[in-house]
Amino acid sequence: MSELQPLTDEEIALRLADLPGWERRGDAITRTYQHTYHECLHLVMYVGAKAREVGHHPDIDIRWQRVTFSITTHDAGHQLTEKDFELAAHIDRIAEGHEATPVK
């Protein structure tokens, strides 16, 4: 399956089961982390570097001591693809390395 091939609802559910904390919101998956404001900014910089490396980027919303990542594949008509779940896994690893706390 191509990375830009939209996933079925069943495939999305299976991939979300492998990424606890991520949730589907329409045609995107999202997750929020908590840390100090400045550490949230650092986290975003590292995620941005990884996004450039893999050629896929999340939408990012930074608030006081919280950062939310939202991922969809714009090149696939704003639908979920394998690329979204790969990036989500990268974000989880980066957030863990920065000791960011997932918001439930």
PDB file of N, CA and C in Angstrom:
ATOM      1  N   MET A   1       0.840  -1.180   0.000  1.00  0.00           N
ATOM      2  CA  MET A   1       0.000   0.000   0.000  1.00  0.00           C
ATOM      3  C   MET A   1       0.887   1.247   0.000  1.00  0.00           C
ATOM      4  N   SER A   2       0.555   2.202  -0.813  1.00  0.00           N
ATOM      5  CA  SER A   2       1.293   3.457  -0.892  1.00  0.00           C
ATOM      6  C   SER A   2       1.082   4.270   0.382  1.00  0.00           C
ATOM      7  N   GLU A   3       2.111   5.030   0.759  1.00  0.00           N
ATOM      8  CA  GLU A   3       1.985   5.882   1.938  1.00  0.00           C
ATOM      9  C   GLU A   3       0.914   6.947   1.763  1.00  0.00           C
ATOM     10  N   LEU A   4       0.566   7.274   0.528  1.00  0.00           N
ATOM     11  CA  LEU A   4      -0.446   8.300   0.290  1.00  0.00           C
ATOM     12  C   LEU A   4      -1.831   7.724   0.027  1.00  0.00           C
ATOM     13  N   GLN A   5      -1.953   6.418   0.115  1.00  0.00           N
ATOM     14  CA  GLN A   5      -3.255   5.767  -0.058  1.00  0.00           C
ATOM     15  C   GLN A   5      -4.068   5.973   1.223  1.00  0.00           C
ATOM     16  N   PRO A   6      -5.251   6.574   1.136  1.00  0.00           N
ATOM     17  CA  PRO A   6      -6.063   6.751   2.345  1.00  0.00           C
ATOM     18  C   PRO A   6      -6.359   5.402   3.006  1.00  0.00           C
ATOM     19  N   LEU A   7      -6.343   5.401   4.337  1.00  0.00           N
ATOM     20  CA  LEU A   7      -6.624   4.195   5.104  1.00  0.00           C
ATOM     21  C   LEU A   7      -8.131   4.057   5.324  1.00  0.00           C
ATOM     22  N   THR A   8      -8.573   2.830   5.472  1.00  0.00           N
ATOM     23  CA  THR A   8      -9.980   2.580   5.791  1.00  0.00           C
ATOM     24  C   THR A   8     -10.202   2.843   7.279  1.00  0.00           C
ATOM     25  N   ASP A   9     -11.453   2.955   7.678  1.00  0.00           N
ATOM     26  CA  ASP A   9     -11.768   3.152   9.095  1.00  0.00           C
ATOM     27  C   ASP A   9     -11.207   2.017   9.944  1.00  0.00           C
ATOM     28  N   GLU A  10     -11.261   0.805   9.438  1.00  0.00           N
ATOM     29  CA  GLU A  10     -10.741  -0.342  10.179  1.00  0.00           C
ATOM     30  C   GLU A  10      -9.227  -0.254  10.333  1.00  0.00           C
ATOM     31  N   GLU A  11      -8.526   0.141   9.270  1.00  0.00           N
ATOM     32  CA  GLU A  11      -7.073   0.298   9.340  1.00  0.00           C
ATOM     33  C   GLU A  11      -6.683   1.411  10.311  1.00  0.00           C
ATOM     34  N   ILE A  12      -7.451   2.479  10.310  1.00  0.00           N
ATOM     35  CA  ILE A  12      -7.192   3.590  11.218  1.00  0.00           C
ATOM     36  C   ILE A  12      -7.362   3.129  12.664  1.00  0.00           C
ATOM     37  N   ALA A  13      -8.416   2.397  12.941  1.00  0.00           N
ATOM     38  CA  ALA A  13      -8.657   1.896  14.297  1.00  0.00           C
ATOM     39  C   ALA A  13      -7.516   0.992  14.760  1.00  0.00           C
ATOM     40  N   LEU A  14      -7.017   0.143  13.873  1.00  0.00           N
ATOM     41  CA  LEU A  14      -5.904  -0.738  14.231  1.00  0.00           C
ATOM     42  C   LEU A  14      -4.640   0.057  14.532  1.00  0.00           C
ATOM     43  N   ARG A  15      -4.368   1.057  13.735  1.00  0.00           N
ATOM     44  CA  ARG A  15      -3.162   1.853  13.950  1.00  0.00           C
ATOM     45  C   ARG A  15      -3.273   2.709  15.218  1.00  0.00           C
ATOM     46  N   LEU A  16      -4.467   3.215  15.498  1.00  0.00           N
ATOM     47  CA  LEU A  16      -4.660   3.980  16.729  1.00  0.00           C
ATOM     48  C   LEU A  16      -4.468   3.094  17.961  1.00  0.00           C
ATOM     49  N   ALA A  17      -4.826   1.831  17.856  1.00  0.00           N
ATOM     50  CA  ALA A  17      -4.632   0.904  18.976  1.00  0.00           C
ATOM     51  C   ALA A  17      -3.153   0.747  19.301  1.00  0.00           C
ATOM     52  N   ASP A  18      -2.294   0.929  18.310  1.00  0.00           N
ATOM     53  CA  ASP A  18      -0.848   0.839  18.508  1.00  0.00           C
ATOM     54  C   ASP A  18      -0.238   2.158  18.985  1.00  0.00           C
ATOM     55  N   LEU A  19      -1.031   3.219  19.024  1.00  0.00           N
ATOM     56  CA  LEU A  19      -0.553   4.542  19.436  1.00  0.00           C
ATOM     57  C   LEU A  19      -1.461   5.097  20.539  1.00  0.00           C
ATOM     58  N   PRO A  20      -1.384   4.537  21.730  1.00  0.00           N
ATOM     59  CA  PRO A  20      -2.255   5.011  22.819  1.00  0.00           C
ATOM     60  C   PRO A  20      -2.090   6.511  23.038  1.00  0.00           C
ATOM     61  N   GLY A  21      -3.196   7.187  23.255  1.00  0.00           N
ATOM     62  CA  GLY A  21      -3.167   8.624  23.492  1.00  0.00           C
ATOM     63  C   GLY A  21      -3.519   9.453  22.277  1.00  0.00           C
ATOM     64  N   TRP A  22      -3.314   8.893  21.099  1.00  0.00           N
ATOM     65  CA  TRP A  22      -3.718   9.594  19.879  1.00  0.00           C
ATOM     66  C   TRP A  22      -5.191   9.314  19.652  1.00  0.00           C
ATOM     67  N   GLU A  23      -5.908  10.323  19.202  1.00  0.00           N
ATOM     68  CA  GLU A  23      -7.322  10.114  18.900  1.00  0.00           C
ATOM     69  C   GLU A  23      -7.668  10.716  17.547  1.00  0.00           C
ATOM     70  N   ARG A  24      -8.665  10.130  16.979  1.00  0.00           N
ATOM     71  CA  ARG A  24      -9.120  10.605  15.671  1.00  0.00           C
ATOM     72  C   ARG A  24     -10.096  11.744  15.874  1.00  0.00           C
ATOM     73  N   ARG A  25      -9.866  12.809  15.109  1.00  0.00           N
ATOM     74  CA  ARG A  25     -10.800  13.936  15.069  1.00  0.00           C
ATOM     75  C   ARG A  25     -11.062  14.232  13.611  1.00  0.00           C
ATOM     76  N   GLY A  26     -12.121  13.680  13.112  1.00  0.00           N
ATOM     77  CA  GLY A  26     -12.440  13.830  11.694  1.00  0.00           C
ATOM     78  C   GLY A  26     -11.405  13.115  10.851  1.00  0.00           C
ATOM     79  N   ASP A  27     -10.759  13.853   9.968  1.00  0.00           N
ATOM     80  CA  ASP A  27      -9.751  13.282   9.078  1.00  0.00           C
ATOM     81  C   ASP A  27      -8.336  13.567   9.565  1.00  0.00           C
ATOM     82  N   ALA A  28      -8.169  13.664  10.878  1.00  0.00           N
ATOM     83  CA  ALA A  28      -6.848  13.891  11.468  1.00  0.00           C
ATOM     84  C   ALA A  28      -6.724  13.068  12.745  1.00  0.00           C
ATOM     85  N   ILE A  29      -5.476  12.866  13.180  1.00  0.00           N
ATOM     86  CA  ILE A  29      -5.229  12.292  14.492  1.00  0.00           C
ATOM     87  C   ILE A  29      -4.527  13.362  15.314  1.00  0.00           C
ATOM     88  N   THR A  30      -4.857  13.426  16.612  1.00  0.00           N
ATOM     89  CA  THR A  30      -4.314  14.478  17.457  1.00  0.00           C
ATOM     90  C   THR A  30      -3.833  13.920  18.793  1.00  0.00           C
ATOM     91  N   ARG A  31      -2.924  14.669  19.398  1.00  0.00           N
ATOM     92  CA  ARG A  31      -2.457  14.349  20.738  1.00  0.00           C
ATOM     93  C   ARG A  31      -1.889  15.617  21.349  1.00  0.00           C
ATOM     94  N   THR A  32      -2.144  15.785  22.649  1.00  0.00           N
ATOM     95  CA  THR A  32      -1.665  16.951  23.382  1.00  0.00           C
ATOM     96  C   THR A  32      -0.685  16.512  24.456  1.00  0.00           C
ATOM     97  N   TYR A  33       0.383  17.298  24.594  1.00  0.00           N
ATOM     98  CA  TYR A  33       1.393  17.080  25.627  1.00  0.00           C
ATOM     99  C   TYR A  33       1.483  18.324  26.495  1.00  0.00           C
ATOM    100  N   GLN A  34       1.939  18.112  27.716  1.00  0.00           N
ATOM    101  CA  GLN A  34       2.087  19.201  28.678  1.00  0.00           C
ATOM    102  C   GLN A  34       3.531  19.265  29.158  1.00  0.00           C
ATOM    103  N   HIS A  35       4.033  20.475  29.306  1.00  0.00           N
ATOM    104  CA  HIS A  35       5.378  20.713  29.845  1.00  0.00           C
ATOM    105  C   HIS A  35       5.452  22.212  30.117  1.00  0.00           C
ATOM    106  N   THR A  36       6.594  22.704  30.547  1.00  0.00           N
ATOM    107  CA  THR A  36       6.717  24.153  30.680  1.00  0.00           C
ATOM    108  C   THR A  36       6.594  24.768  29.290  1.00  0.00           C
ATOM    109  N   TYR A  37       6.251  26.020  29.259  1.00  0.00           N
ATOM    110  CA  TYR A  37       6.072  26.687  27.971  1.00  0.00           C
ATOM    111  C   TYR A  37       7.333  26.583  27.120  1.00  0.00           C
ATOM    112  N   HIS A  38       8.485  26.852  27.720  1.00  0.00           N
ATOM    113  CA  HIS A  38       9.722  26.827  26.944  1.00  0.00           C
ATOM    114  C   HIS A  38      10.087  25.417  26.497  1.00  0.00           C
ATOM    115  N   GLU A  39       9.805  24.426  27.320  1.00  0.00           N
ATOM    116  CA  GLU A  39      10.066  23.045  26.898  1.00  0.00           C
ATOM    117  C   GLU A  39       9.109  22.628  25.781  1.00  0.00           C
ATOM    118  N   CYS A  40       7.898  23.162  25.780  1.00  0.00           N
ATOM    119  CA  CYS A  40       6.983  22.898  24.654  1.00  0.00           C
ATOM    120  C   CYS A  40       7.573  23.459  23.368  1.00  0.00           C
ATOM    121  N   LEU A  41       8.173  24.641  23.458  1.00  0.00           N
ATOM    122  CA  LEU A  41       8.805  25.228  22.280  1.00  0.00           C
ATOM    123  C   LEU A  41       9.970  24.367  21.802  1.00  0.00           C
ATOM    124  N   HIS A  42      10.776  23.870  22.723  1.00  0.00           N
ATOM    125  CA  HIS A  42      11.885  22.978  22.352  1.00  0.00           C
ATOM    126  C   HIS A  42      11.352  21.708  21.692  1.00  0.00           C
ATOM    127  N   LEU A  43      10.303  21.147  22.265  1.00  0.00           N
ATOM    128  CA  LEU A  43       9.697  19.944  21.704  1.00  0.00           C
ATOM    129  C   LEU A  43       9.265  20.192  20.259  1.00  0.00           C
ATOM    130  N   VAL A  44       8.634  21.321  20.026  1.00  0.00           N
ATOM    131  CA  VAL A  44       8.174  21.659  18.678  1.00  0.00           C
ATOM    132  C   VAL A  44       9.354  21.772  17.713  1.00  0.00           C
ATOM    133  N   MET A  45      10.457  22.322  18.162  1.00  0.00           N
ATOM    134  CA  MET A  45      11.636  22.442  17.287  1.00  0.00           C
ATOM    135  C   MET A  45      12.163  21.065  16.882  1.00  0.00           C
ATOM    136  N   TYR A  46      12.189  20.126  17.812  1.00  0.00           N
ATOM    137  CA  TYR A  46      12.655  18.781  17.492  1.00  0.00           C
ATOM    138  C   TYR A  46      11.666  18.061  16.580  1.00  0.00           C
ATOM    139  N   VAL A  47      10.380  18.237  16.835  1.00  0.00           N
ATOM    140  CA  VAL A  47       9.375  17.629  15.949  1.00  0.00           C
ATOM    141  C   VAL A  47       9.487  18.240  14.558  1.00  0.00           C
ATOM    142  N   GLY A  48       9.709  19.543  14.478  1.00  0.00           N
ATOM    143  CA  GLY A  48       9.870  20.196  13.184  1.00  0.00           C
ATOM    144  C   GLY A  48      11.052  19.645  12.405  1.00  0.00           C
ATOM    145  N   ALA A  49      12.151  19.388  13.101  1.00  0.00           N
ATOM    146  CA  ALA A  49      13.332  18.815  12.439  1.00  0.00           C
ATOM    147  C   ALA A  49      13.027  17.413  11.909  1.00  0.00           C
ATOM    148  N   LYS A  50      12.329  16.611  12.698  1.00  0.00           N
ATOM    149  CA  LYS A  50      11.964  15.261  12.248  1.00  0.00           C
ATOM    150  C   LYS A  50      10.977  15.356  11.085  1.00  0.00           C
ATOM    151  N   ALA A  51      10.039  16.278  11.157  1.00  0.00           N
ATOM    152  CA  ALA A  51       9.062  16.444  10.076  1.00  0.00           C
ATOM    153  C   ALA A  51       9.757  16.782   8.765  1.00  0.00           C
ATOM    154  N   ARG A  52      10.748  17.653   8.837  1.00  0.00           N
ATOM    155  CA  ARG A  52      11.507  17.985   7.625  1.00  0.00           C
ATOM    156  C   ARG A  52      12.228  16.744   7.100  1.00  0.00           C
ATOM    157  N   GLU A  53      12.811  15.977   8.007  1.00  0.00           N
ATOM    158  CA  GLU A  53      13.549  14.780   7.619  1.00  0.00           C
ATOM    159  C   GLU A  53      12.660  13.758   6.917  1.00  0.00           C
ATOM    160  N   VAL A  54      11.438  13.555   7.414  1.00  0.00           N
ATOM    161  CA  VAL A  54      10.560  12.530   6.837  1.00  0.00           C
ATOM    162  C   VAL A  54       9.642  13.094   5.751  1.00  0.00           C
ATOM    163  N   GLY A  55       9.651  14.415   5.565  1.00  0.00           N
ATOM    164  CA  GLY A  55       8.837  15.019   4.503  1.00  0.00           C
ATOM    165  C   GLY A  55       7.352  15.011   4.786  1.00  0.00           C
ATOM    166  N   HIS A  56       6.998  15.163   6.061  1.00  0.00           N
ATOM    167  CA  HIS A  56       5.577  15.183   6.444  1.00  0.00           C
ATOM    168  C   HIS A  56       5.479  16.002   7.717  1.00  0.00           C
ATOM    169  N   HIS A  57       4.513  16.916   7.804  1.00  0.00           N
ATOM    170  CA  HIS A  57       4.466  17.806   8.961  1.00  0.00           C
ATOM    171  C   HIS A  57       3.107  17.777   9.655  1.00  0.00           C
ATOM    172  N   PRO A  58       3.130  18.000  10.966  1.00  0.00           N
ATOM    173  CA  PRO A  58       1.873  18.131  11.697  1.00  0.00           C
ATOM    174  C   PRO A  58       1.442  19.593  11.758  1.00  0.00           C
ATOM    175  N   ASP A  59       0.183  19.808  12.040  1.00  0.00           N
ATOM    176  CA  ASP A  59      -0.267  21.135  12.438  1.00  0.00           C
ATOM    177  C   ASP A  59       0.003  21.202  13.938  1.00  0.00           C
ATOM    178  N   ILE A  60       0.469  22.348  14.411  1.00  0.00           N
ATOM    179  CA  ILE A  60       0.896  22.477  15.794  1.00  0.00           C
ATOM    180  C   ILE A  60       0.207  23.671  16.439  1.00  0.00           C
ATOM    181  N   ASP A  61      -0.347  23.436  17.629  1.00  0.00           N
ATOM    182  CA  ASP A  61      -1.002  24.491  18.397  1.00  0.00           C
ATOM    183  C   ASP A  61      -0.304  24.568  19.755  1.00  0.00           C
ATOM    184  N   ILE A  62       0.370  25.684  20.019  1.00  0.00           N
ATOM    185  CA  ILE A  62       1.077  25.863  21.278  1.00  0.00           C
ATOM    186  C   ILE A  62       0.275  26.814  22.159  1.00  0.00           C
ATOM    187  N   ARG A  63      -0.007  26.361  23.361  1.00  0.00           N
ATOM    188  CA  ARG A  63      -0.687  27.169  24.375  1.00  0.00           C
ATOM    189  C   ARG A  63       0.179  27.167  25.624  1.00  0.00           C
ATOM    190  N   TRP A  64      -0.229  27.864  26.656  1.00  0.00           N
ATOM    191  CA  TRP A  64       0.540  27.903  27.882  1.00  0.00           C
ATOM    192  C   TRP A  64       0.679  26.492  28.449  1.00  0.00           C
ATOM    193  N   GLN A  65       1.887  25.975  28.439  1.00  0.00           N
ATOM    194  CA  GLN A  65       2.278  24.681  28.981  1.00  0.00           C
ATOM    195  C   GLN A  65       1.612  23.491  28.284  1.00  0.00           C
ATOM    196  N   ARG A  66       1.142  23.691  27.057  1.00  0.00           N
ATOM    197  CA  ARG A  66       0.541  22.603  26.283  1.00  0.00           C
ATOM    198  C   ARG A  66       0.869  22.774  24.808  1.00  0.00           C
ATOM    199  N   VAL A  67       1.059  21.637  24.161  1.00  0.00           N
ATOM    200  CA  VAL A  67       1.246  21.655  22.718  1.00  0.00           C
ATOM    201  C   VAL A  67       0.422  20.511  22.139  1.00  0.00           C
ATOM    202  N   THR A  68      -0.349  20.814  21.110  1.00  0.00           N
ATOM    203  CA  THR A  68      -1.189  19.816  20.456  1.00  0.00           C
ATOM    204  C   THR A  68      -0.699  19.626  19.029  1.00  0.00           C
ATOM    205  N   PHE A  69      -0.535  18.363  18.665  1.00  0.00           N
ATOM    206  CA  PHE A  69      -0.148  17.994  17.310  1.00  0.00           C
ATOM    207  C   PHE A  69      -1.367  17.399  16.623  1.00  0.00           C
ATOM    208  N   SER A  70      -1.608  17.824  15.406  1.00  0.00           N
ATOM    209  CA  SER A  70      -2.700  17.293  14.590  1.00  0.00           C
ATOM    210  C   SER A  70      -2.104  16.894  13.245  1.00  0.00           C
ATOM    211  N   ILE A  71      -2.395  15.670  12.832  1.00  0.00           N
ATOM    212  CA  ILE A  71      -1.758  15.154  11.616  1.00  0.00           C
ATOM    213  C   ILE A  71      -2.803  14.620  10.646  1.00  0.00           C
ATOM    214  N   THR A  72      -2.670  15.002   9.391  1.00  0.00           N
ATOM    215  CA  THR A  72      -3.439  14.454   8.285  1.00  0.00           C
ATOM    216  C   THR A  72      -2.549  14.566   7.047  1.00  0.00           C
ATOM    217  N   THR A  73      -2.896  13.856   6.000  1.00  0.00           N
ATOM    218  CA  THR A  73      -2.090  13.933   4.786  1.00  0.00           C
ATOM    219  C   THR A  73      -2.779  14.870   3.803  1.00  0.00           C
ATOM    220  N   HIS A  74      -2.240  16.077   3.691  1.00  0.00           N
ATOM    221  CA  HIS A  74      -2.820  17.083   2.802  1.00  0.00           C
ATOM    222  C   HIS A  74      -2.785  16.620   1.344  1.00  0.00           C
ATOM    223  N   ASP A  75      -1.701  15.931   0.955  1.00  0.00           N
ATOM    224  CA  ASP A  75      -1.550  15.476  -0.426  1.00  0.00           C
ATOM    225  C   ASP A  75      -2.498  14.331  -0.793  1.00  0.00           C
ATOM    226  N   ALA A  76      -3.195  13.792   0.206  1.00  0.00           N
ATOM    227  CA  ALA A  76      -4.171  12.729  -0.056  1.00  0.00           C
ATOM    228  C   ALA A  76      -5.587  13.254   0.190  1.00  0.00           C
ATOM    229  N   GLY A  77      -5.761  14.545  -0.010  1.00  0.00           N
ATOM    230  CA  GLY A  77      -7.096  15.126   0.163  1.00  0.00           C
ATOM    231  C   GLY A  77      -7.501  15.262   1.611  1.00  0.00           C
ATOM    232  N   HIS A  78      -6.530  15.520   2.492  1.00  0.00           N
ATOM    233  CA  HIS A  78      -6.780  15.660   3.931  1.00  0.00           C
ATOM    234  C   HIS A  78      -7.410  14.392   4.510  1.00  0.00           C
ATOM    235  N   GLN A  79      -6.848  13.262   4.138  1.00  0.00           N
ATOM    236  CA  GLN A  79      -7.288  11.985   4.683  1.00  0.00           C
ATOM    237  C   GLN A  79      -6.115  11.355   5.427  1.00  0.00           C
ATOM    238  N   LEU A  80      -6.422  10.361   6.237  1.00  0.00           N
ATOM    239  CA  LEU A  80      -5.378   9.683   7.008  1.00  0.00           C
ATOM    240  C   LEU A  80      -4.693   8.618   6.178  1.00  0.00           C
ATOM    241  N   THR A  81      -3.365   8.626   6.235  1.00  0.00           N
ATOM    242  CA  THR A  81      -2.548   7.646   5.519  1.00  0.00           C
ATOM    243  C   THR A  81      -1.508   7.074   6.485  1.00  0.00           C
ATOM    244  N   GLU A  82      -0.753   6.128   6.000  1.00  0.00           N
ATOM    245  CA  GLU A  82       0.300   5.511   6.802  1.00  0.00           C
ATOM    246  C   GLU A  82       1.306   6.561   7.289  1.00  0.00           C
ATOM    247  N   LYS A  83       1.579   7.570   6.480  1.00  0.00           N
ATOM    248  CA  LYS A  83       2.530   8.619   6.858  1.00  0.00           C
ATOM    249  C   LYS A  83       2.139   9.308   8.162  1.00  0.00           C
ATOM    250  N   ASP A  84       0.845   9.471   8.383  1.00  0.00           N
ATOM    251  CA  ASP A  84       0.372  10.143   9.590  1.00  0.00           C
ATOM    252  C   ASP A  84       0.729   9.349  10.844  1.00  0.00           C
ATOM    253  N   PHE A  85       0.558   8.055  10.771  1.00  0.00           N
ATOM    254  CA  PHE A  85       0.824   7.210  11.932  1.00  0.00           C
ATOM    255  C   PHE A  85       2.328   7.044  12.169  1.00  0.00           C
ATOM    256  N   GLU A  86       3.096   7.055  11.112  1.00  0.00           N
ATOM    257  CA  GLU A  86       4.554   7.017  11.267  1.00  0.00           C
ATOM    258  C   GLU A  86       5.044   8.288  11.953  1.00  0.00           C
ATOM    259  N   LEU A  87       4.512   9.440  11.547  1.00  0.00           N
ATOM    260  CA  LEU A  87       4.902  10.698  12.175  1.00  0.00           C
ATOM    261  C   LEU A  87       4.442  10.741  13.625  1.00  0.00           C
ATOM    262  N   ALA A  88       3.258  10.246  13.907  1.00  0.00           N
ATOM    263  CA  ALA A  88       2.759  10.216  15.286  1.00  0.00           C
ATOM    264  C   ALA A  88       3.703   9.414  16.186  1.00  0.00           C
ATOM    265  N   ALA A  89       4.187   8.293  15.700  1.00  0.00           N
ATOM    266  CA  ALA A  89       5.126   7.480  16.483  1.00  0.00           C
ATOM    267  C   ALA A  89       6.421   8.243  16.727  1.00  0.00           C
ATOM    268  N   HIS A  90       6.898   8.977  15.736  1.00  0.00           N
ATOM    269  CA  HIS A  90       8.098   9.809  15.920  1.00  0.00           C
ATOM    270  C   HIS A  90       7.844  10.868  16.995  1.00  0.00           C
ATOM    271  N   ILE A  91       6.690  11.512  16.936  1.00  0.00           N
ATOM    272  CA  ILE A  91       6.359  12.555  17.908  1.00  0.00           C
ATOM    273  C   ILE A  91       6.331  11.967  19.315  1.00  0.00           C
ATOM    274  N   ASP A  92       5.749  10.783  19.475  1.00  0.00           N
ATOM    275  CA  ASP A  92       5.713  10.147  20.793  1.00  0.00           C
ATOM    276  C   ASP A  92       7.119   9.923  21.341  1.00  0.00           C
ATOM    277  N   ARG A  93       8.013   9.443  20.498  1.00  0.00           N
ATOM    278  CA  ARG A  93       9.387   9.200  20.950  1.00  0.00           C
ATOM    279  C   ARG A  93      10.095  10.501  21.317  1.00  0.00           C
ATOM    280  N   ILE A  94       9.891  11.523  20.524  1.00  0.00           N
ATOM    281  CA  ILE A  94      10.518  12.818  20.807  1.00  0.00           C
ATOM    282  C   ILE A  94       9.954  13.392  22.110  1.00  0.00           C
ATOM    283  N   ALA A  95       8.638  13.334  22.281  1.00  0.00           N
ATOM    284  CA  ALA A  95       8.004  13.855  23.499  1.00  0.00           C
ATOM    285  C   ALA A  95       8.493  13.116  24.736  1.00  0.00           C
ATOM    286  N   GLU A  96       8.643  11.812  24.624  1.00  0.00           N
ATOM    287  CA  GLU A  96       9.144  11.037  25.743  1.00  0.00           C
ATOM    288  C   GLU A  96      10.568  11.468  26.102  1.00  0.00           C
ATOM    289  N   GLY A  97      11.383  11.696  25.089  1.00  0.00           N
ATOM    290  CA  GLY A  97      12.744  12.154  25.309  1.00  0.00           C
ATOM    291  C   GLY A  97      12.818  13.523  25.975  1.00  0.00           C
ATOM    292  N   HIS A  98      11.784  14.318  25.788  1.00  0.00           N
ATOM    293  CA  HIS A  98      11.731  15.646  26.390  1.00  0.00           C
ATOM    294  C   HIS A  98      10.961  15.630  27.714  1.00  0.00           C
ATOM    295  N   GLU A  99      10.559  14.452  28.140  1.00  0.00           N
ATOM    296  CA  GLU A  99       9.819  14.268  29.381  1.00  0.00           C
ATOM    297  C   GLU A  99       8.521  15.068  29.393  1.00  0.00           C
ATOM    298  N   ALA A 100       7.885  15.180  28.223  1.00  0.00           N
ATOM    299  CA  ALA A 100       6.592  15.835  28.127  1.00  0.00           C
ATOM    300  C   ALA A 100       5.514  14.851  28.618  1.00  0.00           C
ATOM    301  N   THR A 101       4.538  15.370  29.315  1.00  0.00           N
ATOM    302  CA  THR A 101       3.471  14.541  29.870  1.00  0.00           C
ATOM    303  C   THR A 101       2.279  14.546  28.922  1.00  0.00           C
ATOM    304  N   PRO A 102       1.823  13.364  28.500  1.00  0.00           N
ATOM    305  CA  PRO A 102       0.619  13.338  27.667  1.00  0.00           C
ATOM    306  C   PRO A 102      -0.598  13.852  28.442  1.00  0.00           C
ATOM    307  N   VAL A 103      -1.426  14.625  27.795  1.00  0.00           N
ATOM    308  CA  VAL A 103      -2.673  15.109  28.388  1.00  0.00           C
ATOM    309  C   VAL A 103      -3.753  14.131  27.983  1.00  0.00           C
ATOM    310  N   LYS A 104      -4.488  13.674  28.945  1.00  0.00           N
ATOM    311  CA  LYS A 104      -5.531  12.675  28.657  1.00  0.00           C
ATOM    312  C   LYS A 104      -6.850  13.290  28.349  1.00  0.00           C
TER     313      LYS A 104
END
